[in-house]
Amino acid sequence: MTVFSTVHVAFKALLRNPTRALLTTLGIVIGIAAVITMMEIGNGSSQSIKSSIEKMGANTILVLP
């Protein structure tokens, strides 16, 4: 099969099942958005914690066993 015929078959399948194509696309978009959101929340909280520790100063943290 050539690339053109493969693309043609793929588009025919998408047109035959529009609901499935829409739901699949929606799932992919939601999944990518969730991953990006969680990564940004993690980065933001990390920066917030670093900022709080820097505000306290270098000699105020005491770690005891």
Protein backbone atom coordinates (compact mmCIF):
# COMPACT_ATOMS: atom_id res chain seq x y z
CA MET A 1 0.00 0.00 0.00
CA THR A 2 1.19 3.45 -0.81
CA VAL A 3 1.00 6.37 1.56
CA PHE A 4 -1.80 7.93 -0.45
CA SER A 5 -3.99 4.83 -0.29
CA THR A 6 -3.35 4.48 3.44
CA VAL A 7 -4.41 8.09 4.05
CA HIS A 8 -7.44 7.56 1.82
CA VAL A 9 -8.53 4.48 3.78
CA ALA A 10 -8.00 6.34 7.07
CA PHE A 11 -10.18 9.27 5.98
CA LYS A 12 -12.90 6.90 4.75
CA ALA A 13 -12.91 5.20 8.16
CA LEU A 14 -13.14 8.57 9.90
CA LEU A 15 -16.10 9.59 7.75
CA ARG A 16 -17.88 6.27 8.37
CA ASN A 17 -17.59 6.61 12.16
CA PRO A 18 -17.77 10.33 13.00
CA THR A 19 -18.89 9.79 16.58
CA ARG A 20 -16.02 7.44 17.32
CA ALA A 21 -13.55 9.84 15.69
CA LEU A 22 -14.94 12.75 17.72
CA LEU A 23 -14.80 10.84 21.01
CA THR A 24 -11.29 9.61 20.30
CA THR A 25 -10.13 13.14 19.51
CA LEU A 26 -11.84 14.45 22.64
CA GLY A 27 -10.16 11.79 24.77
CA ILE A 28 -6.74 12.61 23.37
CA VAL A 29 -7.25 16.35 23.94
CA ILE A 30 -8.45 15.83 27.52
CA GLY A 31 -5.56 13.47 28.25
CA ILE A 32 -2.92 15.87 26.94
CA ALA A 33 -4.52 18.78 28.81
CA ALA A 34 -4.53 16.76 32.05
CA VAL A 35 -0.85 15.86 31.72
CA ILE A 36 0.15 19.46 30.98
CA THR A 37 -1.98 20.74 33.88
CA MET A 38 -0.46 18.30 36.36
CA MET A 39 3.07 19.14 35.23
CA GLU A 40 2.43 22.87 35.62
CA ILE A 41 0.85 22.40 39.06
CA GLY A 42 3.93 20.43 40.11
CA ASN A 43 6.30 23.08 38.78
CA GLY A 44 4.32 25.88 40.41
CA SER A 45 4.21 24.21 43.81
CA SER A 46 7.91 23.43 43.60
CA GLN A 47 8.69 27.08 42.88
CA SER A 48 6.41 28.16 45.73
CA ILE A 49 8.19 25.86 48.20
CA LYS A 50 11.62 27.04 47.03
CA SER A 51 10.50 30.65 47.40
CA SER A 52 9.22 30.05 50.95
CA ILE A 53 12.49 28.39 51.98
CA GLU A 54 14.53 31.25 50.49
CA LYS A 55 12.44 33.82 52.39
CA MET A 56 13.17 32.09 55.72
CA GLY A 57 16.89 32.50 55.24
CA ALA A 58 19.80 30.10 55.06
CA ASN A 59 20.33 29.61 58.79
CA THR A 60 16.78 29.14 60.08
CA ILE A 61 16.16 25.53 59.07
CA LEU A 62 17.10 22.99 61.72
CA VAL A 63 16.92 19.28 60.92
CA LEU A 64 17.02 16.86 63.85
CA PRO A 65 16.91 13.05 63.74
